[in-house]
Amino acid sequence: MDTEKPFVDIRHAQKSYGSLEVLKDISLKVNRGEIVAIIGPSGSGKSTLLRAINDLDPLTGGEVWLEDVQVNKTLPHRQYEKHINHVRQNIGMVFQHFNLFPHLNVRENITLAPRMLKGLTVDEANTLAEEQLDKVGMLERIDYYPSQLSGGQKQRVAIARALAMKPKVMLFDEATSALDPELVEEVNLVMKKLAEEHMTMIIVTHEMGFAESVCDRVLFMDQGVVVEEGPPSVIFRNPENERTKNFLRKHLASNKE
C-alpha cells in the first residue's frame, strides 16, 4: 500500500449551517486499497463528511482531493458542472435508501449512466451490467423492477450500479441501516467481497461487527470532530478516549436489548 501519497485527502474540512458547526477542522487521508469505517452517534457529522468527498454536501472550508485532483474547486458554474461530473464518475456512492429509478428495470438502472456519461453502446453497457450483477448475486433479477425486489436485493443492485461506472473509490452511507435485520448480511457479504478485491472504501456504518472484521482503520466521530482513530482491534477492544468507550458501551447495550 502506497503510504507516500494518499488516494483520498481531506484537508481541514469545515462545514457550518448558519451558527451550527457540523464539521470542525477534520483532516483524513485514505490510501489506495484501504477500507476505512466511520462510526459515531447520530448527528456527529459522519454522513456530512462522506458526502463532502464527492461535493454532494459542499464544505464551508477546507479541501478534498482525489489523487491529484481537487474535488471541491471554486469555478464558474458551467466549468464546475463539467469538473464535478467528471470527478463523480470516479467516486461510487451507495446511500441508505437505494435511489433506484422505479420506472426502470434492473438492467436499465445499471446501464443508464455508463451509456450517458461514458458513451458505451447498448451491448457494451449490457455486458457490463451482467458482470456487475453477477458479482453481487443479482444476475437472475436483471429484468425485474425495483418494486419486485426486497430491500437487500435493491441495495445489491444499487452497489452494482455504482460499480458499473468503474469508480476508484466507493462510499457507503449507512448502506444497511434501512434493511430488515435478516437482509443485512447479504449486503455485508457483497461489501466483504469488494474488500477482498482491495477496492478503496469509506464506510459510514453502525454495524460494529462488520467494521471490526473488514476494515483496516476505524474513525470514531462525535460533535463534528474525529475523537479517536486506529485499527479495529484497538478502537473496539481497547479505546483510549472516554467518549469512544461510552459510545461503544451504549451501542453494545442497545444491541443486547
Protein backbone atom coordinates (compact mmCIF):
# COMPACT_ATOMS: atom_id res chain seq x y z
CA MET A 1 0.00 0.00 0.00
CA ASP A 2 1.34 3.42 -1.00
CA THR A 3 1.74 5.44 2.18
CA GLU A 4 3.63 8.29 0.49
CA LYS A 5 0.68 9.83 -1.28
CA PRO A 6 -2.93 9.49 -0.04
CA PHE A 7 -5.58 8.42 -2.51
CA VAL A 8 -8.30 10.46 -0.79
CA ASP A 9 -7.06 13.51 1.09
CA ILE A 10 -9.44 15.63 3.16
CA ARG A 11 -7.71 18.76 4.44
CA HIS A 12 -9.16 20.85 7.29
CA ALA A 13 -12.78 20.12 6.39
CA GLN A 14 -15.22 22.54 7.97
CA LYS A 15 -18.97 22.65 7.46
CA SER A 16 -21.48 25.03 9.00
CA TYR A 17 -25.19 25.58 8.65
CA GLY A 18 -25.53 29.11 9.94
CA SER A 19 -24.23 29.05 13.50
CA LEU A 20 -24.28 25.24 13.67
CA GLU A 21 -20.81 23.82 13.04
CA VAL A 22 -21.21 20.24 11.81
CA LEU A 23 -17.58 19.52 10.83
CA LYS A 24 -14.77 21.12 12.82
CA ASP A 25 -11.41 21.11 11.03
CA ILE A 26 -11.27 17.43 10.07
CA SER A 27 -8.33 16.04 8.10
CA LEU A 28 -8.33 12.47 6.80
CA LYS A 29 -6.00 10.59 4.46
CA VAL A 30 -7.03 7.28 2.87
CA ASN A 31 -4.58 5.17 0.90
CA ARG A 32 -5.39 3.21 -2.26
CA GLY A 33 -6.98 -0.11 -1.34
CA GLU A 34 -7.62 0.95 2.26
CA ILE A 35 -11.00 0.34 3.90
CA VAL A 36 -11.98 2.94 6.48
CA ALA A 37 -15.06 2.81 8.71
CA ILE A 38 -16.56 5.91 10.27
CA ILE A 39 -18.65 5.29 13.38
CA GLY A 40 -20.31 7.54 15.91
CA PRO A 41 -23.66 8.73 17.26
CA SER A 42 -26.35 10.35 15.12
CA GLY A 43 -25.57 13.99 14.39
CA SER A 44 -21.82 13.55 14.75
CA GLY A 45 -21.09 14.63 11.16
CA LYS A 46 -20.31 11.20 9.68
CA SER A 47 -22.59 11.42 6.64
CA THR A 48 -21.75 15.07 6.07
CA LEU A 49 -18.06 14.19 5.88
CA LEU A 50 -18.75 11.31 3.50
CA ARG A 51 -20.95 13.43 1.22
CA ALA A 52 -18.28 16.14 1.13
CA ILE A 53 -15.92 13.72 -0.62
CA ASN A 54 -17.90 13.99 -3.87
CA ASP A 55 -19.10 17.53 -3.08
CA LEU A 56 -22.72 16.46 -2.61
CA ASP A 57 -22.59 18.42 0.63
CA PRO A 58 -20.08 21.20 -0.14
CA LEU A 59 -17.70 22.22 2.60
CA THR A 60 -17.71 25.69 4.13
CA GLY A 61 -13.93 25.49 4.37
CA GLY A 62 -11.14 23.06 3.55
CA GLU A 63 -10.25 20.92 0.57
CA VAL A 64 -10.99 17.42 -0.73
CA TRP A 65 -8.55 15.74 -3.13
CA LEU A 66 -8.88 12.52 -5.11
CA GLU A 67 -5.40 11.58 -6.27
CA ASP A 68 -4.08 14.78 -7.90
CA VAL A 69 -7.48 16.41 -8.46
CA GLN A 70 -9.14 18.83 -6.06
CA VAL A 71 -12.79 17.78 -5.90
CA ASN A 72 -14.28 20.95 -4.41
CA LYS A 73 -12.79 23.53 -6.75
CA THR A 74 -14.24 27.01 -6.89
CA LEU A 75 -15.10 27.52 -10.55
CA PRO A 76 -17.67 29.37 -12.66
CA HIS A 77 -20.91 27.39 -12.77
CA ARG A 78 -20.50 25.76 -16.19
CA GLN A 79 -16.87 24.84 -15.56
CA TYR A 80 -17.74 23.47 -12.12
CA GLU A 81 -20.54 21.28 -13.52
CA LYS A 82 -18.19 19.79 -16.10
CA HIS A 83 -15.47 19.28 -13.48
CA ILE A 84 -17.67 17.69 -10.81
CA ASN A 85 -19.47 15.41 -13.27
CA HIS A 86 -16.09 14.07 -14.37
CA VAL A 87 -14.87 13.65 -10.78
CA ARG A 88 -18.03 11.87 -9.66
CA GLN A 89 -17.55 9.22 -12.32
CA ASN A 90 -14.58 8.06 -10.22
CA ILE A 91 -16.49 8.04 -6.92
CA GLY A 92 -19.20 5.42 -6.40
CA MET A 93 -21.72 6.11 -3.67
CA VAL A 94 -24.33 3.87 -2.09
CA PHE A 95 -26.97 5.53 0.07
CA GLN A 96 -29.18 4.31 2.89
CA HIS A 97 -32.22 4.45 0.59
CA PHE A 98 -31.36 2.72 -2.66
CA ASN A 99 -32.36 5.57 -5.03
CA LEU A 100 -33.18 3.21 -7.89
CA PHE A 101 -35.38 4.58 -10.66
CA PRO A 102 -38.74 2.81 -10.08
CA HIS A 103 -39.83 3.05 -13.74
CA LEU A 104 -36.64 1.32 -14.98
CA ASN A 105 -35.83 -2.35 -14.58
CA VAL A 106 -32.57 -3.54 -13.05
CA ARG A 107 -30.74 -3.68 -16.38
CA GLU A 108 -31.86 -0.16 -17.29
CA ASN A 109 -30.96 1.24 -13.86
CA ILE A 110 -27.40 -0.03 -14.26
CA THR A 111 -26.81 0.76 -17.94
CA LEU A 112 -28.19 4.31 -17.91
CA ALA A 113 -25.12 6.14 -16.52
CA PRO A 114 -22.45 4.18 -18.46
CA ARG A 115 -24.32 4.87 -21.70
CA MET A 116 -25.00 8.55 -20.99
CA LEU A 117 -21.76 9.53 -19.27
CA LYS A 118 -19.19 7.13 -20.73
CA GLY A 119 -20.67 6.67 -24.19
CA LEU A 120 -20.94 2.88 -24.02
CA THR A 121 -23.01 1.12 -26.68
CA VAL A 122 -26.11 -0.82 -25.66
CA ASP A 123 -24.24 -4.12 -25.99
CA GLU A 124 -21.23 -2.85 -24.01
CA ALA A 125 -23.46 -1.49 -21.25
CA ASN A 126 -25.47 -4.72 -21.09
CA THR A 127 -22.30 -6.80 -20.78
CA LEU A 128 -21.09 -4.50 -18.01
CA ALA A 129 -24.44 -4.74 -16.18
CA GLU A 130 -24.37 -8.52 -16.35
CA GLU A 131 -20.82 -8.63 -14.97
CA GLN A 132 -21.64 -6.38 -12.02
CA LEU A 133 -24.94 -8.07 -11.25
CA ASP A 134 -23.18 -11.43 -11.26
CA LYS A 135 -20.67 -10.02 -8.78
CA VAL A 136 -23.44 -9.05 -6.33
CA GLY A 137 -25.51 -12.21 -6.93
CA MET A 138 -28.35 -10.47 -8.74
CA LEU A 139 -27.91 -11.56 -12.36
CA GLU A 140 -31.10 -13.62 -12.35
CA ARG A 141 -33.06 -10.44 -11.44
CA ILE A 142 -31.77 -8.37 -14.36
CA ASP A 143 -35.23 -7.83 -15.89
CA TYR A 144 -37.05 -7.22 -12.59
CA TYR A 145 -38.31 -3.81 -11.50
CA PRO A 146 -37.38 -2.33 -8.09
CA SER A 147 -40.93 -2.95 -6.81
CA GLN A 148 -40.34 -6.68 -7.32
CA LEU A 149 -37.20 -6.75 -5.16
CA SER A 150 -36.56 -6.97 -1.42
CA GLY A 151 -34.65 -4.21 0.34
CA GLY A 152 -31.46 -6.24 0.36
CA GLN A 153 -31.81 -7.00 -3.33
CA LYS A 154 -32.38 -3.33 -4.12
CA GLN A 155 -29.24 -2.40 -2.21
CA ARG A 156 -27.20 -5.00 -4.06
CA VAL A 157 -28.47 -3.56 -7.35
CA ALA A 158 -27.51 -0.09 -6.11
CA ILE A 159 -23.98 -1.37 -5.42
CA ALA A 160 -23.81 -2.95 -8.88
CA ARG A 161 -24.96 0.34 -10.41
CA ALA A 162 -22.18 2.24 -8.62
CA LEU A 163 -19.58 -0.37 -9.64
CA ALA A 164 -20.66 -0.18 -13.29
CA MET A 165 -19.01 3.25 -13.51
CA LYS A 166 -15.67 1.61 -12.58
CA PRO A 167 -15.08 4.02 -9.66
CA LYS A 168 -11.73 4.48 -7.97
CA VAL A 169 -13.31 4.71 -4.52
CA MET A 170 -16.62 3.54 -3.07
CA LEU A 171 -18.53 5.46 -0.40
CA PHE A 172 -21.18 3.70 1.68
CA ASP A 173 -23.53 5.85 3.77
CA GLU A 174 -25.26 3.52 6.26
CA ALA A 175 -25.93 1.10 3.40
CA THR A 176 -27.66 -1.46 5.64
CA SER A 177 -29.49 0.74 8.17
CA ALA A 178 -32.80 0.77 6.23
CA LEU A 179 -32.84 -3.03 5.87
CA ASP A 180 -34.59 -5.63 7.95
CA PRO A 181 -32.03 -7.46 10.12
CA GLU A 182 -32.23 -10.69 8.10
CA LEU A 183 -31.31 -8.79 4.92
CA VAL A 184 -28.26 -7.00 6.32
CA GLU A 185 -25.86 -9.92 5.91
CA GLU A 186 -26.46 -10.32 2.16
CA VAL A 187 -25.35 -6.71 1.61
CA ASN A 188 -22.43 -7.04 4.04
CA LEU A 189 -21.23 -10.10 2.11
CA VAL A 190 -21.07 -8.06 -1.10
CA MET A 191 -19.07 -5.35 0.69
CA LYS A 192 -16.74 -8.01 2.12
CA LYS A 193 -16.17 -9.31 -1.40
CA LEU A 194 -15.20 -5.80 -2.55
CA ALA A 195 -12.82 -5.59 0.40
CA GLU A 196 -11.16 -8.82 -0.73
CA GLU A 197 -10.66 -7.21 -4.15
CA HIS A 198 -8.90 -4.26 -2.44
CA MET A 199 -11.47 -1.70 -3.51
CA THR A 200 -10.81 1.61 -1.71
CA MET A 201 -13.84 2.11 0.54
CA ILE A 202 -15.01 4.63 3.11
CA ILE A 203 -17.95 3.29 5.06
CA VAL A 204 -20.26 5.08 7.47
CA THR A 205 -21.80 2.25 9.46
CA HIS A 206 -23.49 1.24 12.68
CA GLU A 207 -22.52 -2.41 12.07
CA MET A 208 -19.64 -2.71 14.53
CA GLY A 209 -19.00 -6.39 13.85
CA PHE A 210 -18.70 -5.68 10.13
CA ALA A 211 -16.35 -2.75 10.74
CA GLU A 212 -14.18 -4.84 13.04
CA SER A 213 -13.90 -7.79 10.67
CA VAL A 214 -13.50 -5.96 7.34
CA CYS A 215 -11.97 -2.51 7.83
CA ASP A 216 -8.31 -1.54 8.09
CA ARG A 217 -8.99 1.55 10.17
CA VAL A 218 -11.87 2.94 12.22
CA LEU A 219 -12.66 6.59 12.95
CA PHE A 220 -14.91 7.48 15.84
CA MET A 221 -16.63 10.85 15.31
CA ASP A 222 -18.61 12.89 17.78
CA GLN A 223 -19.82 16.50 17.65
CA GLY A 224 -18.08 17.24 14.37
CA VAL A 225 -14.59 16.02 15.24
CA VAL A 226 -12.62 12.78 14.93
CA VAL A 227 -12.29 11.81 18.56
CA GLU A 228 -10.19 8.71 18.03
CA GLU A 229 -8.92 6.56 15.17
CA GLY A 230 -6.92 3.40 14.80
CA PRO A 231 -7.04 -0.27 13.82
CA PRO A 232 -10.32 -2.04 14.66
CA SER A 233 -8.56 -4.19 17.25
CA VAL A 234 -7.67 -1.05 19.20
CA ILE A 235 -10.84 1.01 18.72
CA PHE A 236 -13.23 -1.83 19.57
CA ARG A 237 -11.21 -3.64 22.22
CA ASN A 238 -9.03 -1.04 23.88
CA PRO A 239 -10.18 2.53 23.06
CA GLU A 240 -8.40 5.34 24.89
CA ASN A 241 -10.99 8.12 24.78
CA GLU A 242 -13.89 8.10 27.25
CA ARG A 243 -16.33 9.28 24.56
CA THR A 244 -15.40 6.27 22.42
CA LYS A 245 -15.80 3.92 25.38
CA ASN A 246 -19.22 5.37 26.27
CA PHE A 247 -20.47 5.13 22.68
CA LEU A 248 -19.39 1.51 22.28
CA ARG A 249 -20.82 0.61 25.70
CA LYS A 250 -24.22 2.13 24.79
CA HIS A 251 -24.18 0.53 21.34
CA LEU A 252 -23.41 -2.88 22.80
CA ALA A 253 -26.16 -2.47 25.42
CA SER A 254 -28.76 -1.45 22.81
CA ASN A 255 -27.88 -4.46 20.65
CA LYS A 256 -28.47 -6.80 23.58
CA GLU A 257 -31.96 -5.46 24.22
